Structure formats: C-alpha cells, structure tokens
Amino acid sequence: NPGKRLIKSPKLYFQDTGLLLYLFGFRTWTDVMANAAWGAIWENIVVSECRKAVLNAGQATSLYYWRTVNGEEVDVLIETGHRRVIAMEVKASERPGTDDLKGLASFTRLYGPDVMESQAVVCRTSAGYPLGASGCRAVSLHEAVGLL
C-alpha cells in the first residue's frame, strides 16, 4: 500500500517571499544565495509562484509535496484531474542533472506513468533542456508557471 510509506506532515511556505527574506535578515541577493538555506528559499519562491499561478487561473486545485519514509520526495505535485498530476522537483542550481530525477522516478514507479501529466525540474536555468529519457525537462521558474 503506497499510502503506508508516506510521511504525513505539513510543510510551511511563506506566500510573501520578501517577508521571508526580511525575517532571515538578508540585505542582498548575494547574501541569500551564499546562505545554507538558499535551496529552501528557492523552493519557497517556486511553490509561492506556482500557487499564485493556479489561483490567478481560477483553478480549484491543490498543491502537495510527496515524501516517503525512505526519504524519496517530489517537491511540488499539482492535481490536474482524477489521478493526474504535474510533478516538479525544485533545485537551486543552474544546471541540474539526471541524478536530480530520483524522486520523480520513485513517484512514477509507485503510481505509474499514466498519473504524470508532465514533469519538470524547476531550476535557475536561462533556457530549458531535456533531462533523461522520461520526458522530464529542466525549466526556469517562468517556464514552470507556464506549465500550469
């Protein structure tokens, strides 16, 4: 039963990333990107923008994350229909590689490829590019919001 292997605890995201950065005490983007929390901050920015895009489109859908007791995870799952999702892994790097697809691959193995409407690794790339043979792409934040 896939549901028995899931971690069922909430994650907290700030809708106002400016407030988040203020509370951290950052004054410049150089300080933000040099901090150990940069990956979590980038994930917060991506989730916030995806949520805004879904709400602005008037879609009545929810955003989730998926994590197993083994530590496998997908950062953003957006329901698009019955048993259909857009899955996004979030990486703060500019050039993620195929090793960043482990969570997406685990999710696909567990729930099947038919569940996946599309999948992407949202990163700081200037131009999207294919990642692996699964049809996954590395995309910018702007491209990710366009998937919704």
N, C-alpha and C. Protein backbone atom coordinates (compact mmCIF):
# COMPACT_ATOMS: atom_id res chain seq x y z
N ASN A 1 0.84 -1.18 0.00
CA ASN A 1 0.00 0.00 0.00
C ASN A 1 0.89 1.24 0.00
N PRO A 2 0.89 2.02 -1.10
CA PRO A 2 1.75 3.21 -1.16
C PRO A 2 1.47 4.23 -0.07
N GLY A 3 0.25 4.34 0.40
CA GLY A 3 -0.08 5.32 1.42
C GLY A 3 0.58 5.06 2.76
N LYS A 4 0.92 3.81 3.05
CA LYS A 4 1.56 3.47 4.32
C LYS A 4 3.02 3.87 4.36
N ARG A 5 3.60 4.18 3.22
CA ARG A 5 5.01 4.54 3.17
C ARG A 5 5.22 6.06 3.12
N LEU A 6 4.15 6.83 3.26
CA LEU A 6 4.25 8.28 3.13
C LEU A 6 4.45 8.96 4.47
N ILE A 7 5.16 10.09 4.43
CA ILE A 7 5.26 10.97 5.58
C ILE A 7 4.08 11.93 5.49
N LYS A 8 3.31 12.03 6.54
CA LYS A 8 2.10 12.85 6.50
C LYS A 8 2.24 14.05 7.43
N SER A 9 3.25 14.86 7.19
CA SER A 9 3.42 16.07 7.98
C SER A 9 3.44 17.27 7.04
N PRO A 10 2.91 18.39 7.49
CA PRO A 10 2.82 19.57 6.61
C PRO A 10 4.16 20.28 6.48
N LYS A 11 4.30 21.01 5.38
CA LYS A 11 5.43 21.91 5.16
C LYS A 11 4.88 23.33 5.23
N LEU A 12 5.68 24.24 5.70
CA LEU A 12 5.27 25.63 5.82
C LEU A 12 5.98 26.45 4.75
N TYR A 13 5.20 27.19 3.96
CA TYR A 13 5.75 28.09 2.94
C TYR A 13 5.23 29.49 3.20
N PHE A 14 6.06 30.47 2.94
CA PHE A 14 5.64 31.86 3.04
C PHE A 14 5.11 32.30 1.69
N GLN A 15 3.93 32.90 1.66
CA GLN A 15 3.39 33.43 0.41
C GLN A 15 4.14 34.70 0.02
N ASP A 16 4.60 35.45 0.99
CA ASP A 16 5.34 36.69 0.75
C ASP A 16 6.83 36.41 0.93
N THR A 17 7.54 36.18 -0.16
CA THR A 17 8.96 35.84 -0.05
C THR A 17 9.80 37.02 0.43
N GLY A 18 9.33 38.24 0.19
CA GLY A 18 10.02 39.40 0.73
C GLY A 18 10.03 39.38 2.25
N LEU A 19 8.91 39.01 2.85
CA LEU A 19 8.82 38.89 4.29
C LEU A 19 9.74 37.76 4.78
N LEU A 20 9.76 36.66 4.08
CA LEU A 20 10.63 35.55 4.43
C LEU A 20 12.09 36.00 4.48
N LEU A 21 12.53 36.71 3.44
CA LEU A 21 13.92 37.16 3.39
C LEU A 21 14.21 38.19 4.47
N TYR A 22 13.25 39.04 4.76
CA TYR A 22 13.41 40.03 5.84
C TYR A 22 13.58 39.32 7.18
N LEU A 23 12.75 38.31 7.43
CA LEU A 23 12.82 37.59 8.70
C LEU A 23 14.15 36.85 8.84
N PHE A 24 14.72 36.41 7.73
CA PHE A 24 16.06 35.80 7.75
C PHE A 24 17.14 36.85 8.01
N GLY A 25 16.84 38.11 7.74
CA GLY A 25 17.81 39.17 7.95
C GLY A 25 18.70 39.47 6.75
N PHE A 26 18.29 39.03 5.57
CA PHE A 26 19.10 39.25 4.38
C PHE A 26 18.97 40.68 3.88
N ARG A 27 20.05 41.22 3.36
CA ARG A 27 20.05 42.57 2.81
C ARG A 27 20.31 42.58 1.30
N THR A 28 21.01 41.55 0.79
CA THR A 28 21.33 41.49 -0.65
C THR A 28 21.10 40.07 -1.16
N TRP A 29 20.94 39.94 -2.50
CA TRP A 29 20.78 38.61 -3.10
C TRP A 29 22.05 37.78 -2.96
N THR A 30 23.20 38.43 -2.91
CA THR A 30 24.45 37.70 -2.70
C THR A 30 24.42 37.00 -1.35
N ASP A 31 23.91 37.70 -0.33
CA ASP A 31 23.78 37.08 1.00
C ASP A 31 22.81 35.90 0.97
N VAL A 32 21.71 36.05 0.26
CA VAL A 32 20.71 34.98 0.17
C VAL A 32 21.32 33.75 -0.47
N MET A 33 21.96 33.92 -1.62
CA MET A 33 22.47 32.78 -2.38
C MET A 33 23.69 32.12 -1.72
N ALA A 34 24.36 32.83 -0.84
CA ALA A 34 25.52 32.26 -0.13
C ALA A 34 25.11 31.52 1.13
N ASN A 35 23.86 31.66 1.55
CA ASN A 35 23.38 31.07 2.78
C ASN A 35 23.04 29.59 2.59
N ALA A 36 23.19 28.81 3.65
CA ALA A 36 22.86 27.38 3.59
C ALA A 36 21.38 27.14 3.34
N ALA A 37 20.54 28.11 3.63
CA ALA A 37 19.09 27.97 3.44
C ALA A 37 18.66 28.31 2.02
N TRP A 38 19.58 28.64 1.12
CA TRP A 38 19.23 29.07 -0.23
C TRP A 38 18.34 28.07 -0.96
N GLY A 39 18.60 26.79 -0.85
CA GLY A 39 17.77 25.79 -1.52
C GLY A 39 16.33 25.82 -1.02
N ALA A 40 16.16 25.94 0.29
CA ALA A 40 14.81 26.01 0.87
C ALA A 40 14.11 27.32 0.48
N ILE A 41 14.88 28.39 0.40
CA ILE A 41 14.30 29.68 -0.01
C ILE A 41 13.85 29.60 -1.47
N TRP A 42 14.68 29.02 -2.33
CA TRP A 42 14.31 28.86 -3.75
C TRP A 42 13.05 28.00 -3.87
N GLU A 43 12.98 26.93 -3.10
CA GLU A 43 11.78 26.08 -3.13
C GLU A 43 10.56 26.89 -2.71
N ASN A 44 10.69 27.72 -1.69
CA ASN A 44 9.59 28.56 -1.24
C ASN A 44 9.15 29.51 -2.35
N ILE A 45 10.11 30.11 -3.05
CA ILE A 45 9.79 31.03 -4.15
C ILE A 45 9.01 30.29 -5.24
N VAL A 46 9.48 29.10 -5.62
CA VAL A 46 8.83 28.33 -6.69
C VAL A 46 7.41 27.93 -6.28
N VAL A 47 7.25 27.40 -5.07
CA VAL A 47 5.92 26.99 -4.60
C VAL A 47 4.98 28.18 -4.55
N SER A 48 5.47 29.31 -4.06
CA SER A 48 4.65 30.52 -3.98
C SER A 48 4.19 30.96 -5.37
N GLU A 49 5.08 30.98 -6.34
CA GLU A 49 4.71 31.39 -7.69
C GLU A 49 3.76 30.40 -8.35
N CYS A 50 3.95 29.12 -8.12
CA CYS A 50 3.02 28.12 -8.66
C CYS A 50 1.63 28.29 -8.05
N ARG A 51 1.58 28.52 -6.76
CA ARG A 51 0.28 28.73 -6.09
C ARG A 51 -0.42 29.96 -6.66
N LYS A 52 0.34 31.04 -6.84
CA LYS A 52 -0.24 32.26 -7.41
C LYS A 52 -0.79 31.99 -8.81
N ALA A 53 -0.03 31.25 -9.62
CA ALA A 53 -0.47 30.96 -10.99
C ALA A 53 -1.76 30.14 -10.99
N VAL A 54 -1.84 29.16 -10.12
CA VAL A 54 -3.05 28.33 -10.04
C VAL A 54 -4.25 29.18 -9.59
N LEU A 55 -4.05 30.01 -8.57
CA LEU A 55 -5.14 30.86 -8.09
C LEU A 55 -5.56 31.89 -9.13
N ASN A 56 -4.59 32.50 -9.81
CA ASN A 56 -4.90 33.51 -10.82
C ASN A 56 -5.62 32.92 -12.03
N ALA A 57 -5.39 31.64 -12.30
CA ALA A 57 -6.09 30.97 -13.41
C ALA A 57 -7.49 30.53 -13.00
N GLY A 58 -7.82 30.71 -11.73
CA GLY A 58 -9.15 30.33 -11.26
C GLY A 58 -9.33 28.83 -11.14
N GLN A 59 -8.23 28.11 -11.02
CA GLN A 59 -8.31 26.65 -10.93
C GLN A 59 -8.55 26.23 -9.49
N ALA A 60 -9.47 25.33 -9.31
CA ALA A 60 -9.77 24.81 -7.98
C ALA A 60 -8.95 23.53 -7.79
N THR A 61 -7.68 23.68 -7.56
CA THR A 61 -6.80 22.54 -7.38
C THR A 61 -5.90 22.77 -6.19
N SER A 62 -5.22 21.74 -5.77
CA SER A 62 -4.34 21.83 -4.61
C SER A 62 -2.91 21.52 -5.01
N LEU A 63 -1.98 22.06 -4.24
CA LEU A 63 -0.57 21.76 -4.40
C LEU A 63 -0.15 20.89 -3.22
N TYR A 64 0.65 19.88 -3.50
CA TYR A 64 1.12 18.97 -2.48
C TYR A 64 2.61 18.74 -2.66
N TYR A 65 3.22 18.15 -1.64
CA TYR A 65 4.53 17.56 -1.81
C TYR A 65 4.39 16.10 -1.41
N TRP A 66 5.33 15.28 -1.87
CA TRP A 66 5.27 13.85 -1.63
C TRP A 66 6.58 13.41 -1.04
N ARG A 67 6.54 12.69 0.07
CA ARG A 67 7.75 12.20 0.71
C ARG A 67 7.47 10.85 1.36
N THR A 68 8.38 9.91 1.16
CA THR A 68 8.24 8.59 1.76
C THR A 68 9.11 8.49 3.01
N VAL A 69 8.89 7.43 3.77
CA VAL A 69 9.71 7.20 4.96
C VAL A 69 11.16 6.92 4.58
N ASN A 70 11.41 6.55 3.34
CA ASN A 70 12.78 6.30 2.86
C ASN A 70 13.48 7.57 2.40
N GLY A 71 12.79 8.72 2.45
CA GLY A 71 13.40 9.99 2.06
C GLY A 71 13.22 10.35 0.60
N GLU A 72 12.49 9.54 -0.16
CA GLU A 72 12.21 9.89 -1.55
C GLU A 72 11.16 11.00 -1.54
N GLU A 73 11.33 12.00 -2.40
CA GLU A 73 10.36 13.09 -2.39
C GLU A 73 10.24 13.77 -3.74
N VAL A 74 9.08 14.39 -3.92
CA VAL A 74 8.81 15.28 -5.05
C VAL A 74 8.33 16.58 -4.41
N ASP A 75 8.96 17.69 -4.79
CA ASP A 75 8.71 18.96 -4.12
C ASP A 75 7.33 19.55 -4.38
N VAL A 76 6.80 19.41 -5.60
CA VAL A 76 5.50 20.01 -5.92
C VAL A 76 4.70 19.03 -6.77
N LEU A 77 3.49 18.73 -6.33
CA LEU A 77 2.52 17.96 -7.11
C LEU A 77 1.28 18.82 -7.25
N ILE A 78 0.83 19.01 -8.48
CA ILE A 78 -0.35 19.83 -8.74
C ILE A 78 -1.38 18.94 -9.41
N GLU A 79 -2.52 18.79 -8.77
CA GLU A 79 -3.58 17.97 -9.33
C GLU A 79 -4.16 18.64 -10.57
N THR A 80 -4.30 17.86 -11.64
CA THR A 80 -4.90 18.39 -12.86
C THR A 80 -6.17 17.64 -13.24
N GLY A 81 -6.47 16.58 -12.55
CA GLY A 81 -7.63 15.76 -12.83
C GLY A 81 -7.60 14.54 -11.93
N HIS A 82 -8.53 13.63 -12.16
CA HIS A 82 -8.57 12.42 -11.36
C HIS A 82 -7.31 11.59 -11.62
N ARG A 83 -6.52 11.41 -10.57
CA ARG A 83 -5.25 10.65 -10.65
C ARG A 83 -4.31 11.18 -11.74
N ARG A 84 -4.28 12.49 -11.92
CA ARG A 84 -3.36 13.14 -12.87
C ARG A 84 -2.68 14.30 -12.16
N VAL A 85 -1.35 14.41 -12.32
CA VAL A 85 -0.60 15.47 -11.66
C VAL A 85 0.48 16.03 -12.58
N ILE A 86 0.84 17.27 -12.30
CA ILE A 86 2.08 17.86 -12.80
C ILE A 86 3.05 17.75 -11.64
N ALA A 87 4.20 17.15 -11.87
CA ALA A 87 5.19 16.94 -10.81
C ALA A 87 6.42 17.80 -11.08
N MET A 88 6.87 18.48 -10.02
CA MET A 88 8.04 19.35 -10.15
C MET A 88 9.02 19.10 -9.02
N GLU A 89 10.24 18.91 -9.39
CA GLU A 89 11.34 18.88 -8.44
C GLU A 89 11.98 20.26 -8.49
N VAL A 90 12.39 20.81 -7.37
CA VAL A 90 12.94 22.16 -7.31
C VAL A 90 14.41 22.08 -6.92
N LYS A 91 15.27 22.66 -7.75
CA LYS A 91 16.71 22.69 -7.49
C LYS A 91 17.21 24.12 -7.67
N ALA A 92 18.02 24.59 -6.73
CA ALA A 92 18.53 25.96 -6.77
C ALA A 92 19.70 26.11 -7.74
N SER A 93 20.20 25.04 -8.30
CA SER A 93 21.32 25.12 -9.22
C SER A 93 20.88 25.63 -10.59
N GLU A 94 21.85 25.98 -11.42
CA GLU A 94 21.54 26.42 -12.79
C GLU A 94 21.50 25.26 -13.77
N ARG A 95 22.19 24.16 -13.48
CA ARG A 95 22.25 23.02 -14.39
C ARG A 95 22.06 21.71 -13.64
N PRO A 96 20.83 21.40 -13.23
CA PRO A 96 20.62 20.10 -12.58
C PRO A 96 20.85 18.97 -13.59
N GLY A 97 21.16 17.81 -13.06
CA GLY A 97 21.42 16.65 -13.92
C GLY A 97 20.41 15.54 -13.69
N THR A 98 20.65 14.41 -14.32
CA THR A 98 19.73 13.28 -14.23
C THR A 98 19.66 12.70 -12.82
N ASP A 99 20.69 12.89 -12.00
CA ASP A 99 20.63 12.40 -10.63
C ASP A 99 19.59 13.15 -9.80
N ASP A 100 19.13 14.31 -10.28
CA ASP A 100 18.09 15.08 -9.61
C ASP A 100 16.69 14.57 -9.92
N LEU A 101 16.59 13.48 -10.66
CA LEU A 101 15.29 12.92 -11.04
C LEU A 101 14.86 11.74 -10.17
N LYS A 102 15.62 11.44 -9.13
CA LYS A 102 15.35 10.26 -8.31
C LYS A 102 13.95 10.27 -7.70
N GLY A 103 13.54 11.40 -7.15
CA GLY A 103 12.21 11.48 -6.54
C GLY A 103 11.10 11.30 -7.57
N LEU A 104 11.27 11.93 -8.73
CA LEU A 104 10.27 11.80 -9.79
C LEU A 104 10.19 10.35 -10.28
N ALA A 105 11.35 9.69 -10.38
CA ALA A 105 11.37 8.28 -10.81
C ALA A 105 10.69 7.39 -9.78
N SER A 106 10.93 7.65 -8.50
CA SER A 106 10.29 6.85 -7.44
C SER A 106 8.78 7.03 -7.46
N PHE A 107 8.34 8.26 -7.62
CA PHE A 107 6.90 8.55 -7.69
C PHE A 107 6.27 7.81 -8.87
N THR A 108 6.93 7.86 -10.02
CA THR A 108 6.41 7.21 -11.23
C THR A 108 6.37 5.69 -11.04
N ARG A 109 7.41 5.11 -10.44
CA ARG A 109 7.42 3.66 -10.19
C ARG A 109 6.27 3.25 -9.28
N LEU A 110 5.99 4.06 -8.27
CA LEU A 110 4.98 3.72 -7.29
C LEU A 110 3.55 3.90 -7.81
N TYR A 111 3.31 4.98 -8.57
CA TYR A 111 1.94 5.30 -9.00
C TYR A 111 1.69 5.05 -10.49
N GLY A 112 2.74 4.81 -11.25
CA GLY A 112 2.59 4.52 -12.67
C GLY A 112 2.75 5.76 -13.53
N PRO A 113 3.21 5.58 -14.76
CA PRO A 113 3.46 6.72 -15.65
C PRO A 113 2.19 7.44 -16.10
N ASP A 114 1.05 6.77 -16.06
CA ASP A 114 -0.19 7.41 -16.51
C ASP A 114 -0.66 8.52 -15.58
N VAL A 115 -0.17 8.54 -14.35
CA VAL A 115 -0.55 9.58 -13.40
C VAL A 115 0.11 10.91 -13.77
N MET A 116 1.26 10.82 -14.40
CA MET A 116 2.08 12.00 -14.68
C MET A 116 1.61 12.72 -15.95
N GLU A 117 1.02 13.90 -15.78
CA GLU A 117 0.67 14.72 -16.95
C GLU A 117 1.93 15.33 -17.55
N SER A 118 2.77 15.88 -16.68
CA SER A 118 4.08 16.37 -17.09
C SER A 118 4.97 16.42 -15.86
N GLN A 119 6.27 16.48 -16.11
CA GLN A 119 7.22 16.56 -15.02
C GLN A 119 8.37 17.47 -15.41
N ALA A 120 8.90 18.16 -14.40
CA ALA A 120 9.96 19.13 -14.67
C ALA A 120 10.83 19.30 -13.43
N VAL A 121 12.06 19.72 -13.68
CA VAL A 121 12.94 20.16 -12.61
C VAL A 121 13.03 21.67 -12.76
N VAL A 122 12.50 22.40 -11.78
CA VAL A 122 12.49 23.86 -11.82
C VAL A 122 13.81 24.34 -11.22
N CYS A 123 14.57 25.07 -12.02
CA CYS A 123 15.90 25.50 -11.60
C CYS A 123 16.15 26.92 -12.10
N ARG A 124 17.37 27.39 -11.94
CA ARG A 124 17.70 28.75 -12.34
C ARG A 124 18.32 28.80 -13.74
N THR A 125 17.95 27.88 -14.60
CA THR A 125 18.46 27.85 -15.96
C THR A 125 17.90 29.02 -16.78
N SER A 126 18.66 29.46 -17.76
CA SER A 126 18.16 30.53 -18.63
C SER A 126 17.34 29.96 -19.80
N ALA A 127 17.58 28.70 -20.13
CA ALA A 127 16.83 28.05 -21.21
C ALA A 127 16.60 26.59 -20.84
N GLY A 128 15.37 26.13 -21.02
CA GLY A 128 15.03 24.75 -20.68
C GLY A 128 15.77 23.75 -21.55
N TYR A 129 15.93 22.54 -21.02
CA TYR A 129 16.59 21.47 -21.76
C TYR A 129 16.07 20.12 -21.25
N PRO A 130 16.13 19.09 -22.10
CA PRO A 130 15.63 17.78 -21.69
C PRO A 130 16.56 17.14 -20.65
N LEU A 131 15.96 16.39 -19.74
CA LEU A 131 16.71 15.66 -18.71
C LEU A 131 16.30 14.20 -18.76
N GLY A 132 17.16 13.34 -19.19
CA GLY A 132 16.86 11.91 -19.19
C GLY A 132 15.85 11.51 -20.24
N ALA A 133 15.52 10.22 -20.22
CA ALA A 133 14.63 9.65 -21.23
C ALA A 133 13.17 9.67 -20.82
N SER A 134 12.86 10.17 -19.65
CA SER A 134 11.49 10.10 -19.13
C SER A 134 10.59 11.22 -19.64
N GLY A 135 11.12 12.13 -20.45
CA GLY A 135 10.34 13.26 -20.92
C GLY A 135 10.40 14.45 -19.98
N CYS A 136 11.19 14.35 -18.93
CA CYS A 136 11.35 15.44 -17.98
C CYS A 136 12.25 16.51 -18.57
N ARG A 137 11.97 17.76 -18.19
CA ARG A 137 12.79 18.89 -18.66
C ARG A 137 13.25 19.71 -17.48
N ALA A 138 14.42 20.28 -17.59
CA ALA A 138 14.87 21.32 -16.67
C ALA A 138 14.28 22.61 -17.21
N VAL A 139 13.58 23.36 -16.36
CA VAL A 139 12.91 24.58 -16.80
C VAL A 139 13.17 25.71 -15.82
N SER A 140 13.04 26.94 -16.33
CA SER A 140 13.14 28.12 -15.48
C SER A 140 11.83 28.28 -14.71
N LEU A 141 11.83 29.16 -13.74
CA LEU A 141 10.61 29.43 -12.98
C LEU A 141 9.51 29.94 -13.90
N HIS A 142 9.86 30.79 -14.84
CA HIS A 142 8.88 31.33 -15.80
C HIS A 142 8.26 30.20 -16.62
N GLU A 143 9.09 29.27 -17.10
CA GLU A 143 8.57 28.13 -17.87
C GLU A 143 7.69 27.23 -17.01
N ALA A 144 8.07 27.04 -15.74
CA ALA A 144 7.30 26.20 -14.84
C ALA A 144 5.91 26.74 -14.63
N VAL A 145 5.80 28.05 -14.44
CA VAL A 145 4.49 28.67 -14.25
C VAL A 145 3.66 28.51 -15.53
N GLY A 146 4.33 28.51 -16.68
CA GLY A 146 3.63 28.30 -17.96
C GLY A 146 3.06 26.90 -18.12
N LEU A 147 3.61 25.92 -17.40
CA LEU A 147 3.09 24.55 -17.46
C LEU A 147 1.71 24.43 -16.82
N LEU A 148 1.41 25.38 -15.95
CA LEU A 148 0.16 25.30 -15.20
C LEU A 148 -0.97 25.82 -16.03
